[in-house]
Full PDB file with SEQRES, HELIX, SHEET, SSBOND, CRYST1, ORIGX, SCALE, CONECT and MASTER records, all heavy atoms in Angstrom:
SEQRES   1 A   39  ASP THR PHE LEU SER THR GLY ILE VAL SER SER GLN LYS          
SEQRES   2 A   39  VAL SER ALA SER MET SER HIS ASP ILE ALA ARG LYS ALA          
SEQRES   3 A   39  LEU ILE ALA VAL ILE LEU ALA LEU VAL PHE MET ALA ALA          
HELIX    1 AA1 THR A    2  THR A    2  1                                   1    
HELIX    2 AA2 PHE A    3  GLY A    7  3                                   5    
HELIX    3 AA3 ALA A   16  ALA A   38  1                                  23    
CRYST1    1.000    1.000    1.000  90.00  90.00  90.00 P 1           1          
ORIGX1      1.000000  0.000000  0.000000        0.00000                         
ORIGX2      0.000000  1.000000  0.000000        0.00000                         
ORIGX3      0.000000  0.000000  1.000000        0.00000                         
SCALE1      1.000000  0.000000  0.000000        0.00000                         
SCALE2      0.000000  1.000000  0.000000        0.00000                         
SCALE3      0.000000  0.000000  1.000000        0.00000                         
ATOM      1  N   ASP A   1      10.357  28.894 -14.724  1.00  0.00           N  
ATOM      2  CA  ASP A   1      11.778  29.217 -14.593  1.00  0.00           C  
ATOM      3  C   ASP A   1      12.504  28.198 -13.715  1.00  0.00           C  
ATOM      4  O   ASP A   1      13.632  27.785 -14.019  1.00  0.00           O  
ATOM      5  CB  ASP A   1      11.960  30.628 -14.015  1.00  0.00           C  
ATOM      6  CG  ASP A   1      11.528  31.714 -14.995  1.00  0.00           C  
ATOM      7  OD1 ASP A   1      11.508  31.422 -16.215  1.00  0.00           O  
ATOM      8  OD2 ASP A   1      11.218  32.835 -14.558  1.00  0.00           O  
ATOM      9  N   THR A   2      11.880  27.781 -12.624  1.00  0.00           N  
ATOM     10  CA  THR A   2      12.487  26.781 -11.743  1.00  0.00           C  
ATOM     11  C   THR A   2      12.623  25.449 -12.476  1.00  0.00           C  
ATOM     12  O   THR A   2      13.637  24.749 -12.347  1.00  0.00           O  
ATOM     13  CB  THR A   2      11.642  26.594 -10.468  1.00  0.00           C  
ATOM     14  OG1 THR A   2      11.510  27.855  -9.810  1.00  0.00           O  
ATOM     15  CG2 THR A   2      12.278  25.581  -9.530  1.00  0.00           C  
ATOM     16  N   PHE A   3      11.601  25.107 -13.253  1.00  0.00           N  
ATOM     17  CA  PHE A   3      11.648  23.855 -14.025  1.00  0.00           C  
ATOM     18  C   PHE A   3      12.818  23.872 -15.006  1.00  0.00           C  
ATOM     19  O   PHE A   3      13.566  22.897 -15.111  1.00  0.00           O  
ATOM     20  CB  PHE A   3      10.330  23.665 -14.775  1.00  0.00           C  
ATOM     21  CG  PHE A   3      10.344  22.521 -15.749  1.00  0.00           C  
ATOM     22  CD1 PHE A   3      10.194  21.210 -15.314  1.00  0.00           C  
ATOM     23  CD2 PHE A   3      10.535  22.757 -17.111  1.00  0.00           C  
ATOM     24  CE1 PHE A   3      10.220  20.149 -16.215  1.00  0.00           C  
ATOM     25  CE2 PHE A   3      10.566  21.711 -18.018  1.00  0.00           C  
ATOM     26  CZ  PHE A   3      10.405  20.397 -17.566  1.00  0.00           C  
ATOM     27  N   LEU A   4      12.999  24.987 -15.713  1.00  0.00           N  
ATOM     28  CA  LEU A   4      14.059  25.075 -16.710  1.00  0.00           C  
ATOM     29  C   LEU A   4      15.448  25.097 -16.080  1.00  0.00           C  
ATOM     30  O   LEU A   4      16.413  24.614 -16.673  1.00  0.00           O  
ATOM     31  CB  LEU A   4      13.866  26.327 -17.576  1.00  0.00           C  
ATOM     32  CG  LEU A   4      12.596  26.353 -18.451  1.00  0.00           C  
ATOM     33  CD1 LEU A   4      12.518  27.658 -19.235  1.00  0.00           C  
ATOM     34  CD2 LEU A   4      12.564  25.161 -19.399  1.00  0.00           C  
ATOM     35  N   SER A   5      15.559  25.633 -14.868  1.00  0.00           N  
ATOM     36  CA  SER A   5      16.879  25.754 -14.244  1.00  0.00           C  
ATOM     37  C   SER A   5      17.264  24.531 -13.420  1.00  0.00           C  
ATOM     38  O   SER A   5      18.433  24.135 -13.386  1.00  0.00           O  
ATOM     39  CB  SER A   5      16.940  27.008 -13.355  1.00  0.00           C  
ATOM     40  OG  SER A   5      15.965  26.929 -12.331  1.00  0.00           O  
ATOM     41  N   THR A   6      16.285  23.901 -12.760  1.00  0.00           N  
ATOM     42  CA  THR A   6      16.603  22.759 -11.891  1.00  0.00           C  
ATOM     43  C   THR A   6      15.880  21.477 -12.286  1.00  0.00           C  
ATOM     44  O   THR A   6      16.392  20.382 -12.050  1.00  0.00           O  
ATOM     45  CB  THR A   6      16.270  23.084 -10.427  1.00  0.00           C  
ATOM     46  OG1 THR A   6      14.863  23.365 -10.311  1.00  0.00           O  
ATOM     47  CG2 THR A   6      17.070  24.275  -9.938  1.00  0.00           C  
ATOM     48  N   GLY A   7      14.694  21.609 -12.860  1.00  0.00           N  
ATOM     49  CA  GLY A   7      13.933  20.416 -13.264  1.00  0.00           C  
ATOM     50  C   GLY A   7      14.598  19.692 -14.416  1.00  0.00           C  
ATOM     51  O   GLY A   7      14.652  18.456 -14.449  1.00  0.00           O  
ATOM     52  N   ILE A   8      15.113  20.462 -15.386  1.00  0.00           N  
ATOM     53  CA  ILE A   8      15.872  19.878 -16.491  1.00  0.00           C  
ATOM     54  C   ILE A   8      17.327  19.782 -16.041  1.00  0.00           C  
ATOM     55  O   ILE A   8      18.047  20.779 -15.994  1.00  0.00           O  
ATOM     56  CB  ILE A   8      15.743  20.718 -17.778  1.00  0.00           C  
ATOM     57  CG1 ILE A   8      14.280  20.754 -18.240  1.00  0.00           C  
ATOM     58  CG2 ILE A   8      16.630  20.140 -18.879  1.00  0.00           C  
ATOM     59  CD1 ILE A   8      14.060  21.560 -19.508  1.00  0.00           C  
ATOM     60  N   VAL A   9      17.750  18.580 -15.680  1.00  0.00           N  
ATOM     61  CA  VAL A   9      19.085  18.367 -15.132  1.00  0.00           C  
ATOM     62  C   VAL A   9      20.155  18.598 -16.192  1.00  0.00           C  
ATOM     63  O   VAL A   9      21.207  19.184 -15.923  1.00  0.00           O  
ATOM     64  CB  VAL A   9      19.197  16.942 -14.547  1.00  0.00           C  
ATOM     65  CG1 VAL A   9      20.610  16.680 -14.023  1.00  0.00           C  
ATOM     66  CG2 VAL A   9      18.163  16.737 -13.454  1.00  0.00           C  
ATOM     67  N   SER A  10      19.892  18.130 -17.401  1.00  0.00           N  
ATOM     68  CA  SER A  10      20.847  18.318 -18.497  1.00  0.00           C  
ATOM     69  C   SER A  10      20.105  18.282 -19.822  1.00  0.00           C  
ATOM     70  O   SER A  10      19.010  17.711 -19.925  1.00  0.00           O  
ATOM     71  CB  SER A  10      21.930  17.228 -18.485  1.00  0.00           C  
ATOM     72  OG  SER A  10      21.378  15.963 -18.773  1.00  0.00           O  
ATOM     73  N   SER A  11      20.703  18.893 -20.832  1.00  0.00           N  
ATOM     74  CA  SER A  11      20.118  18.883 -22.174  1.00  0.00           C  
ATOM     75  C   SER A  11      21.223  18.990 -23.198  1.00  0.00           C  
ATOM     76  O   SER A  11      22.277  19.571 -22.929  1.00  0.00           O  
ATOM     77  CB  SER A  11      19.129  20.050 -22.346  1.00  0.00           C  
ATOM     78  OG  SER A  11      19.808  21.293 -22.256  1.00  0.00           O  
ATOM     79  N   GLN A  12      20.996  18.396 -24.350  1.00  0.00           N  
ATOM     80  CA  GLN A  12      21.953  18.486 -25.443  1.00  0.00           C  
ATOM     81  C   GLN A  12      21.214  18.334 -26.771  1.00  0.00           C  
ATOM     82  O   GLN A  12      20.121  17.770 -26.827  1.00  0.00           O  
ATOM     83  CB  GLN A  12      23.045  17.422 -25.312  1.00  0.00           C  
ATOM     84  CG  GLN A  12      22.527  16.000 -25.285  1.00  0.00           C  
ATOM     85  CD  GLN A  12      23.625  14.970 -25.080  1.00  0.00           C  
ATOM     86  OE1 GLN A  12      23.408  13.950 -24.459  1.00  0.00           O  
ATOM     87  NE2 GLN A  12      24.789  15.212 -25.619  1.00  0.00           N  
ATOM     88  N   LYS A  13      21.845  18.842 -27.818  1.00  0.00           N  
ATOM     89  CA  LYS A  13      21.240  18.782 -29.144  1.00  0.00           C  
ATOM     90  C   LYS A  13      22.306  18.417 -30.165  1.00  0.00           C  
ATOM     91  O   LYS A  13      23.422  18.932 -30.123  1.00  0.00           O  
ATOM     92  CB  LYS A  13      20.610  20.125 -29.530  1.00  0.00           C  
ATOM     93  CG  LYS A  13      19.977  20.120 -30.920  1.00  0.00           C  
ATOM     94  CD  LYS A  13      19.400  21.483 -31.276  1.00  0.00           C  
ATOM     95  CE  LYS A  13      18.733  21.438 -32.645  1.00  0.00           C  
ATOM     96  NZ  LYS A  13      19.668  21.101 -33.724  1.00  0.00           N  
ATOM     97  N   VAL A  14      21.951  17.506 -31.051  1.00  0.00           N  
ATOM     98  CA  VAL A  14      22.825  17.100 -32.147  1.00  0.00           C  
ATOM     99  C   VAL A  14      22.026  17.173 -33.435  1.00  0.00           C  
ATOM    100  O   VAL A  14      20.962  16.566 -33.537  1.00  0.00           O  
ATOM    101  CB  VAL A  14      23.374  15.667 -31.943  1.00  0.00           C  
ATOM    102  CG1 VAL A  14      24.243  15.250 -33.130  1.00  0.00           C  
ATOM    103  CG2 VAL A  14      24.161  15.569 -30.648  1.00  0.00           C  
ATOM    104  N   SER A  15      22.547  17.906 -34.415  1.00  0.00           N  
ATOM    105  CA  SER A  15      21.832  18.036 -35.686  1.00  0.00           C  
ATOM    106  C   SER A  15      21.902  16.728 -36.461  1.00  0.00           C  
ATOM    107  O   SER A  15      22.752  15.872 -36.208  1.00  0.00           O  
ATOM    108  CB  SER A  15      22.442  19.163 -36.520  1.00  0.00           C  
ATOM    109  OG  SER A  15      23.759  18.819 -36.927  1.00  0.00           O  
ATOM    110  N   ALA A  16      21.008  16.572 -37.430  1.00  0.00           N  
ATOM    111  CA  ALA A  16      20.961  15.349 -38.228  1.00  0.00           C  
ATOM    112  C   ALA A  16      22.258  15.138 -39.005  1.00  0.00           C  
ATOM    113  O   ALA A  16      22.779  14.028 -39.098  1.00  0.00           O  
ATOM    114  CB  ALA A  16      19.768  15.399 -39.186  1.00  0.00           C  
ATOM    115  N   SER A  17      22.810  16.225 -39.566  1.00  0.00           N  
ATOM    116  CA  SER A  17      24.041  16.099 -40.353  1.00  0.00           C  
ATOM    117  C   SER A  17      25.220  15.729 -39.459  1.00  0.00           C  
ATOM    118  O   SER A  17      26.068  14.922 -39.815  1.00  0.00           O  
ATOM    119  CB  SER A  17      24.333  17.406 -41.097  1.00  0.00           C  
ATOM    120  OG  SER A  17      24.472  18.480 -40.178  1.00  0.00           O  
ATOM    121  N   MET A  18      25.262  16.326 -38.252  1.00  0.00           N  
ATOM    122  CA  MET A  18      26.343  16.009 -37.319  1.00  0.00           C  
ATOM    123  C   MET A  18      26.239  14.556 -36.846  1.00  0.00           C  
ATOM    124  O   MET A  18      27.249  13.858 -36.731  1.00  0.00           O  
ATOM    125  CB  MET A  18      26.302  16.956 -36.122  1.00  0.00           C  
ATOM    126  CG  MET A  18      27.467  16.753 -35.144  1.00  0.00           C  
ATOM    127  SD  MET A  18      27.338  17.831 -33.693  1.00  0.00           S  
ATOM    128  CE  MET A  18      27.544  19.434 -34.479  1.00  0.00           C  
ATOM    129  N   SER A  19      25.027  14.085 -36.563  1.00  0.00           N  
ATOM    130  CA  SER A  19      24.850  12.709 -36.096  1.00  0.00           C  
ATOM    131  C   SER A  19      25.272  11.712 -37.158  1.00  0.00           C  
ATOM    132  O   SER A  19      25.869  10.677 -36.850  1.00  0.00           O  
ATOM    133  CB  SER A  19      23.388  12.464 -35.704  1.00  0.00           C  
ATOM    134  OG  SER A  19      22.543  12.516 -36.846  1.00  0.00           O  
ATOM    135  N   HIS A  20      24.989  12.029 -38.419  1.00  0.00           N  
ATOM    136  CA  HIS A  20      25.408  11.154 -39.518  1.00  0.00           C  
ATOM    137  C   HIS A  20      26.930  11.074 -39.578  1.00  0.00           C  
ATOM    138  O   HIS A  20      27.502   9.988 -39.759  1.00  0.00           O  
ATOM    139  CB  HIS A  20      24.850  11.680 -40.844  1.00  0.00           C  
ATOM    140  CG  HIS A  20      25.304  10.895 -42.039  1.00  0.00           C  
ATOM    141  ND1 HIS A  20      24.792   9.648 -42.344  1.00  0.00           N  
ATOM    142  CD2 HIS A  20      26.245  11.167 -42.987  1.00  0.00           C  
ATOM    143  CE1 HIS A  20      25.396   9.184 -43.436  1.00  0.00           C  
ATOM    144  NE2 HIS A  20      26.261  10.092 -43.849  1.00  0.00           N  
ATOM    145  N   ASP A  21      27.589  12.193 -39.389  1.00  0.00           N  
ATOM    146  CA  ASP A  21      29.049  12.227 -39.423  1.00  0.00           C  
ATOM    147  C   ASP A  21      29.645  11.463 -38.240  1.00  0.00           C  
ATOM    148  O   ASP A  21      30.620  10.717 -38.395  1.00  0.00           O  
ATOM    149  CB  ASP A  21      29.511  13.684 -39.397  1.00  0.00           C  
ATOM    150  CG  ASP A  21      31.023  13.818 -39.591  1.00  0.00           C  
ATOM    151  OD1 ASP A  21      31.532  13.273 -40.587  1.00  0.00           O  
ATOM    152  OD2 ASP A  21      31.677  14.459 -38.759  1.00  0.00           O  
ATOM    153  N   ILE A  22      29.044  11.630 -37.052  1.00  0.00           N  
ATOM    154  CA  ILE A  22      29.525  10.911 -35.868  1.00  0.00           C  
ATOM    155  C   ILE A  22      29.353   9.408 -36.046  1.00  0.00           C  
ATOM    156  O   ILE A  22      30.250   8.618 -35.729  1.00  0.00           O  
ATOM    157  CB  ILE A  22      28.775  11.396 -34.607  1.00  0.00           C  
ATOM    158  CG1 ILE A  22      29.129  12.858 -34.301  1.00  0.00           C  
ATOM    159  CG2 ILE A  22      29.106  10.516 -33.397  1.00  0.00           C  
ATOM    160  CD1 ILE A  22      28.302  13.470 -33.192  1.00  0.00           C  
ATOM    161  N   ALA A  23      28.191   8.984 -36.555  1.00  0.00           N  
ATOM    162  CA  ALA A  23      27.931   7.567 -36.759  1.00  0.00           C  
ATOM    163  C   ALA A  23      28.909   6.968 -37.766  1.00  0.00           C  
ATOM    164  O   ALA A  23      29.415   5.857 -37.579  1.00  0.00           O  
ATOM    165  CB  ALA A  23      26.493   7.363 -37.228  1.00  0.00           C  
ATOM    166  N   ARG A  24      29.180   7.711 -38.836  1.00  0.00           N  
ATOM    167  CA  ARG A  24      30.107   7.224 -39.862  1.00  0.00           C  
ATOM    168  C   ARG A  24      31.505   7.047 -39.273  1.00  0.00           C  
ATOM    169  O   ARG A  24      32.173   6.031 -39.494  1.00  0.00           O  
ATOM    170  CB  ARG A  24      30.136   8.207 -41.041  1.00  0.00           C  
ATOM    171  CG  ARG A  24      31.078   7.808 -42.173  1.00  0.00           C  
ATOM    172  CD  ARG A  24      31.015   8.826 -43.297  1.00  0.00           C  
ATOM    173  NE  ARG A  24      31.412  10.147 -42.846  1.00  0.00           N  
ATOM    174  CZ  ARG A  24      32.672  10.553 -42.749  1.00  0.00           C  
ATOM    175  NH1 ARG A  24      33.658   9.733 -43.064  1.00  0.00           N  
ATOM    176  NH2 ARG A  24      32.950  11.777 -42.343  1.00  0.00           N  
ATOM    177  N   LYS A  25      31.959   8.024 -38.503  1.00  0.00           N  
ATOM    178  CA  LYS A  25      33.294   7.942 -37.903  1.00  0.00           C  
ATOM    179  C   LYS A  25      33.375   6.833 -36.853  1.00  0.00           C  
ATOM    180  O   LYS A  25      34.410   6.172 -36.712  1.00  0.00           O  
ATOM    181  CB  LYS A  25      33.669   9.291 -37.287  1.00  0.00           C  
ATOM    182  CG  LYS A  25      33.944  10.373 -38.327  1.00  0.00           C  
ATOM    183  CD  LYS A  25      34.336  11.687 -37.679  1.00  0.00           C  
ATOM    184  CE  LYS A  25      34.667  12.745 -38.736  1.00  0.00           C  
ATOM    185  NZ  LYS A  25      35.014  14.048 -38.137  1.00  0.00           N  
ATOM    186  N   ALA A  26      32.294   6.624 -36.115  1.00  0.00           N  
ATOM    187  CA  ALA A  26      32.278   5.548 -35.122  1.00  0.00           C  
ATOM    188  C   ALA A  26      32.391   4.189 -35.797  1.00  0.00           C  
ATOM    189  O   ALA A  26      33.133   3.311 -35.341  1.00  0.00           O  
ATOM    190  CB  ALA A  26      30.995   5.620 -34.291  1.00  0.00           C  
ATOM    191  N   LEU A  27      31.659   4.013 -36.903  1.00  0.00           N  
ATOM    192  CA  LEU A  27      31.722   2.755 -37.651  1.00  0.00           C  
ATOM    193  C   LEU A  27      33.120   2.532 -38.212  1.00  0.00           C  
ATOM    194  O   LEU A  27      33.666   1.419 -38.148  1.00  0.00           O  
ATOM    195  CB  LEU A  27      30.686   2.769 -38.780  1.00  0.00           C  
ATOM    196  CG  LEU A  27      30.603   1.504 -39.643  1.00  0.00           C  
ATOM    197  CD1 LEU A  27      30.222   0.300 -38.790  1.00  0.00           C  
ATOM    198  CD2 LEU A  27      29.605   1.701 -40.782  1.00  0.00           C  
ATOM    199  N   ILE A  28      33.708   3.596 -38.759  1.00  0.00           N  
ATOM    200  CA  ILE A  28      35.081   3.495 -39.290  1.00  0.00           C  
ATOM    201  C   ILE A  28      36.051   3.117 -38.177  1.00  0.00           C  
ATOM    202  O   ILE A  28      36.951   2.285 -38.366  1.00  0.00           O  
ATOM    203  CB  ILE A  28      35.491   4.829 -39.949  1.00  0.00           C  
ATOM    204  CG1 ILE A  28      34.688   5.056 -41.238  1.00  0.00           C  
ATOM    205  CG2 ILE A  28      36.987   4.841 -40.264  1.00  0.00           C  
ATOM    206  CD1 ILE A  28      34.898   6.426 -41.855  1.00  0.00           C  
ATOM    207  N   ALA A  29      35.879   3.710 -36.988  1.00  0.00           N  
ATOM    208  CA  ALA A  29      36.772   3.422 -35.862  1.00  0.00           C  
ATOM    209  C   ALA A  29      36.722   1.942 -35.481  1.00  0.00           C  
ATOM    210  O   ALA A  29      37.761   1.305 -35.255  1.00  0.00           O  
ATOM    211  CB  ALA A  29      36.398   4.291 -34.658  1.00  0.00           C  
ATOM    212  N   VAL A  30      35.513   1.377 -35.407  1.00  0.00           N  
ATOM    213  CA  VAL A  30      35.362  -0.031 -35.037  1.00  0.00           C  
ATOM    214  C   VAL A  30      35.963  -0.937 -36.099  1.00  0.00           C  
ATOM    215  O   VAL A  30      36.699  -1.888 -35.793  1.00  0.00           O  
ATOM    216  CB  VAL A  30      33.878  -0.377 -34.802  1.00  0.00           C  
ATOM    217  CG1 VAL A  30      33.705  -1.878 -34.585  1.00  0.00           C  
ATOM    218  CG2 VAL A  30      33.335   0.386 -33.601  1.00  0.00           C  
ATOM    219  N   ILE A  31      35.668  -0.653 -37.372  1.00  0.00           N  
ATOM    220  CA  ILE A  31      36.201  -1.480 -38.463  1.00  0.00           C  
ATOM    221  C   ILE A  31      37.724  -1.420 -38.498  1.00  0.00           C  
ATOM    222  O   ILE A  31      38.399  -2.449 -38.645  1.00  0.00           O  
ATOM    223  CB  ILE A  31      35.600  -1.039 -39.812  1.00  0.00           C  
ATOM    224  CG1 ILE A  31      34.096  -1.354 -39.845  1.00  0.00           C  
ATOM    225  CG2 ILE A  31      36.314  -1.733 -40.978  1.00  0.00           C  
ATOM    226  CD1 ILE A  31      33.391  -0.824 -41.073  1.00  0.00           C  
ATOM    227  N   LEU A  32      38.288  -0.216 -38.361  1.00  0.00           N  
ATOM    228  CA  LEU A  32      39.750  -0.076 -38.369  1.00  0.00           C  
ATOM    229  C   LEU A  32      40.372  -0.826 -37.191  1.00  0.00           C  
ATOM    230  O   LEU A  32      41.436  -1.450 -37.334  1.00  0.00           O  
ATOM    231  CB  LEU A  32      40.138   1.400 -38.305  1.00  0.00           C  
ATOM    232  CG  LEU A  32      39.982   2.196 -39.608  1.00  0.00           C  
ATOM    233  CD1 LEU A  32      40.357   3.662 -39.376  1.00  0.00           C  
ATOM    234  CD2 LEU A  32      40.849   1.610 -40.715  1.00  0.00           C  
ATOM    235  N   ALA A  33      39.720  -0.765 -36.037  1.00  0.00           N  
ATOM    236  CA  ALA A  33      40.239  -1.493 -34.874  1.00  0.00           C  
ATOM    237  C   ALA A  33      40.288  -2.989 -35.153  1.00  0.00           C  
ATOM    238  O   ALA A  33      41.286  -3.661 -34.853  1.00  0.00           O  
ATOM    239  CB  ALA A  33      39.372  -1.203 -33.644  1.00  0.00           C  
ATOM    240  N   LEU A  34      39.221  -3.527 -35.742  1.00  0.00           N  
ATOM    241  CA  LEU A  34      39.182  -4.957 -36.066  1.00  0.00           C  
ATOM    242  C   LEU A  34      40.257  -5.327 -37.082  1.00  0.00           C  
ATOM    243  O   LEU A  34      40.972  -6.331 -36.926  1.00  0.00           O  
ATOM    244  CB  LEU A  34      37.799  -5.331 -36.606  1.00  0.00           C  
ATOM    245  CG  LEU A  34      36.621  -5.235 -35.627  1.00  0.00           C  
ATOM    246  CD1 LEU A  34      35.310  -5.467 -36.346  1.00  0.00           C  
ATOM    247  CD2 LEU A  34      36.780  -6.248 -34.507  1.00  0.00           C  
ATOM    248  N   VAL A  35      40.390  -4.504 -38.128  1.00  0.00           N  
ATOM    249  CA  VAL A  35      41.356  -4.790 -39.188  1.00  0.00           C  
ATOM    250  C   VAL A  35      42.785  -4.712 -38.660  1.00  0.00           C  
ATOM    251  O   VAL A  35      43.623  -5.588 -38.920  1.00  0.00           O  
ATOM    252  CB  VAL A  35      41.161  -3.824 -40.373  1.00  0.00           C  
ATOM    253  CG1 VAL A  35      42.298  -3.963 -41.384  1.00  0.00           C  
ATOM    254  CG2 VAL A  35      39.822  -4.094 -41.067  1.00  0.00           C  
ATOM    255  N   PHE A  36      43.083  -3.662 -37.897  1.00  0.00           N  
ATOM    256  CA  PHE A  36      44.445  -3.493 -37.384  1.00  0.00           C  
ATOM    257  C   PHE A  36      44.804  -4.573 -36.358  1.00  0.00           C  
ATOM    258  O   PHE A  36      45.956  -4.994 -36.285  1.00  0.00           O  
ATOM    259  CB  PHE A  36      44.620  -2.097 -36.779  1.00  0.00           C  
ATOM    260  CG  PHE A  36      44.985  -1.054 -37.791  1.00  0.00           C  
ATOM    261  CD1 PHE A  36      44.017  -0.236 -38.343  1.00  0.00           C  
ATOM    262  CD2 PHE A  36      46.294  -0.905 -38.210  1.00  0.00           C  
ATOM    263  CE1 PHE A  36      44.350   0.726 -39.297  1.00  0.00           C  
ATOM    264  CE2 PHE A  36      46.641   0.054 -39.158  1.00  0.00           C  
ATOM    265  CZ  PHE A  36      45.671   0.872 -39.703  1.00  0.00           C  
ATOM    266  N   MET A  37      43.828  -5.016 -35.586  1.00  0.00           N  
ATOM    267  CA  MET A  37      44.100  -6.117 -34.649  1.00  0.00           C  
ATOM    268  C   MET A  37      44.437  -7.393 -35.416  1.00  0.00           C  
ATOM    269  O   MET A  37      45.358  -8.125 -35.058  1.00  0.00           O  
ATOM    270  CB  MET A  37      42.892  -6.352 -33.742  1.00  0.00           C  
ATOM    271  CG  MET A  37      42.659  -5.276 -32.704  1.00  0.00           C  
ATOM    272  SD  MET A  37      44.042  -5.021 -31.563  1.00  0.00           S  
ATOM    273  CE  MET A  37      44.829  -3.590 -32.285  1.00  0.00           C  
ATOM    274  N   ALA A  38      43.686  -7.671 -36.488  1.00  0.00           N  
ATOM    275  CA  ALA A  38      43.969  -8.851 -37.313  1.00  0.00           C  
ATOM    276  C   ALA A  38      45.343  -8.732 -37.965  1.00  0.00           C  
ATOM    277  O   ALA A  38      46.105  -9.709 -38.042  1.00  0.00           O  
ATOM    278  CB  ALA A  38      42.883  -9.024 -38.367  1.00  0.00           C  
ATOM    279  N   ALA A  39      45.680  -7.520 -38.426  1.00  0.00           N  
ATOM    280  CA  ALA A  39      46.991  -7.302 -39.056  1.00  0.00           C  
ATOM    281  C   ALA A  39      48.117  -7.476 -38.037  1.00  0.00           C  
ATOM    282  O   ALA A  39      49.167  -8.055 -38.351  1.00  0.00           O  
ATOM    283  CB  ALA A  39      47.049  -5.894 -39.660  1.00  0.00           C  
TER     284      ALA A  39                                                      
MASTER        0    0    0    3    0    0    0    6  283    1    0    3          
END                                                                             
């Protein structure tokens, strides 16, 4: 119990489908930034 409450400082979980969506949006954000800067 002590390990779970204080030993683990932080934890997070991201599903495979959510990570794919985040990665896709991040790539789109970078590409759009490059294109709009050139424009």
